[in-house]
């Protein structure tokens, strides 16, 4: 009896982003581990370097998050204004039709 091919199901894409981030973080952890094992500097210097880079990364993520929140607020406000303008135009048109 021949084996049937495994059917691939379509994913809605929500888990794909999480999986990508998980693989990225796993690769980053492996990279850091290898870098520490083969670091040409002393332990103290390496720890200081990693601490500085971690702090820089944290600040970059915080800044990017703040930028995204600000951009999201701007888009929300523009959308709200657009809806208000459309509602006003609709009301004007309704008044014109009624006479």
Protein backbone atom coordinates (compact mmCIF):
# COMPACT_ATOMS: atom_id res chain seq x y z
CA UNK A 1 0.00 0.00 0.00
CA UNK A 2 1.68 3.27 -1.09
CA UNK A 3 1.97 6.06 1.43
CA UNK A 4 -0.20 9.09 0.90
CA UNK A 5 1.54 12.46 0.78
CA UNK A 6 1.22 14.57 3.88
CA UNK A 7 -1.23 17.39 3.28
CA UNK A 8 0.03 20.83 4.19
CA UNK A 9 -2.52 23.03 5.89
CA UNK A 10 -2.57 26.75 5.41
CA UNK A 11 -1.69 28.81 8.45
CA UNK A 12 -3.31 32.17 8.98
CA UNK A 13 0.16 33.71 9.48
CA UNK A 14 -0.20 34.63 13.14
CA UNK A 15 2.25 32.01 14.39
CA UNK A 16 4.80 32.74 11.68
CA UNK A 17 5.99 36.00 13.27
CA UNK A 18 6.36 34.39 16.68
CA UNK A 19 8.30 31.49 15.16
CA UNK A 20 10.62 33.87 13.31
CA UNK A 21 11.33 35.82 16.49
CA UNK A 22 11.94 32.62 18.44
CA UNK A 23 14.44 31.39 15.83
CA UNK A 24 16.15 34.79 15.77
CA UNK A 25 16.52 34.83 19.56
CA UNK A 26 17.79 31.25 19.54
CA UNK A 27 20.39 32.15 16.90
CA UNK A 28 21.38 35.27 18.84
CA UNK A 29 21.85 33.24 22.04
CA UNK A 30 24.00 30.68 20.22
CA UNK A 31 26.02 33.49 18.62
CA UNK A 32 26.63 35.18 21.96
CA UNK A 33 27.67 31.88 23.54
CA UNK A 34 30.16 31.14 20.78
CA UNK A 35 31.47 34.71 20.89
CA UNK A 36 32.05 34.53 24.65
CA UNK A 37 33.82 31.18 24.37
CA UNK A 38 36.20 32.44 21.70
CA UNK A 39 36.55 36.03 22.94
CA UNK A 40 40.12 37.38 22.66
CA UNK A 41 39.66 39.63 25.72
CA UNK A 42 39.67 38.83 29.43
CA UNK A 43 36.46 37.82 31.17
CA UNK A 44 36.03 41.23 32.81
CA UNK A 45 36.48 43.10 29.51
CA UNK A 46 34.16 40.72 27.70
CA UNK A 47 31.46 41.11 30.36
CA UNK A 48 31.78 44.89 30.21
CA UNK A 49 31.56 44.81 26.40
CA UNK A 50 28.47 42.56 26.49
CA UNK A 51 26.88 44.74 29.15
CA UNK A 52 27.45 47.88 27.08
CA UNK A 53 26.08 46.26 23.92
CA UNK A 54 23.08 44.91 25.82
CA UNK A 55 22.35 48.39 27.17
CA UNK A 56 22.64 49.87 23.67
CA UNK A 57 20.27 47.22 22.34
CA UNK A 58 17.80 47.88 25.14
CA UNK A 59 17.86 51.61 24.42
CA UNK A 60 17.39 50.99 20.68
CA UNK A 61 14.40 48.71 21.32
CA UNK A 62 12.89 51.23 23.74
CA UNK A 63 13.33 54.08 21.26
CA UNK A 64 11.91 52.04 18.39
CA UNK A 65 8.93 51.07 20.55
CA UNK A 66 8.32 54.71 21.43
CA UNK A 67 8.57 55.68 17.76
CA UNK A 68 6.06 52.97 16.82
CA UNK A 69 3.63 54.09 19.52
CA UNK A 70 3.90 57.69 18.32
CA UNK A 71 3.36 56.68 14.71
CA UNK A 72 0.38 54.54 15.74
CA UNK A 73 -1.18 57.48 17.56
CA UNK A 74 -0.69 59.70 14.50
CA UNK A 75 -2.34 57.15 12.22
CA UNK A 76 -5.19 56.70 14.68
CA UNK A 77 -5.79 60.46 14.90
CA UNK A 78 -5.72 60.85 11.11
CA UNK A 79 -8.18 57.97 10.75
CA UNK A 80 -10.46 59.44 13.40
CA UNK A 81 -10.40 62.83 11.64
CA UNK A 82 -11.15 61.14 8.30
CA UNK A 83 -14.16 59.34 9.79
CA UNK A 84 -15.42 62.56 11.39
CA UNK A 85 -15.08 64.41 8.06
CA UNK A 86 -16.88 61.61 6.21
CA UNK A 87 -19.70 61.64 8.77
CA UNK A 88 -20.02 65.42 8.40
CA UNK A 89 -20.16 65.15 4.59
CA UNK A 90 -22.76 62.42 4.85
CA UNK A 91 -24.89 64.57 7.16
CA UNK A 92 -24.60 67.57 4.80
CA UNK A 93 -25.67 65.41 1.85
CA UNK A 94 -28.61 64.04 3.79
CA UNK A 95 -29.75 67.57 4.65
CA UNK A 96 -29.47 68.64 1.01
CA UNK A 97 -31.54 65.68 -0.18
CA UNK A 98 -34.27 66.32 2.41
CA UNK A 99 -34.47 69.89 1.33
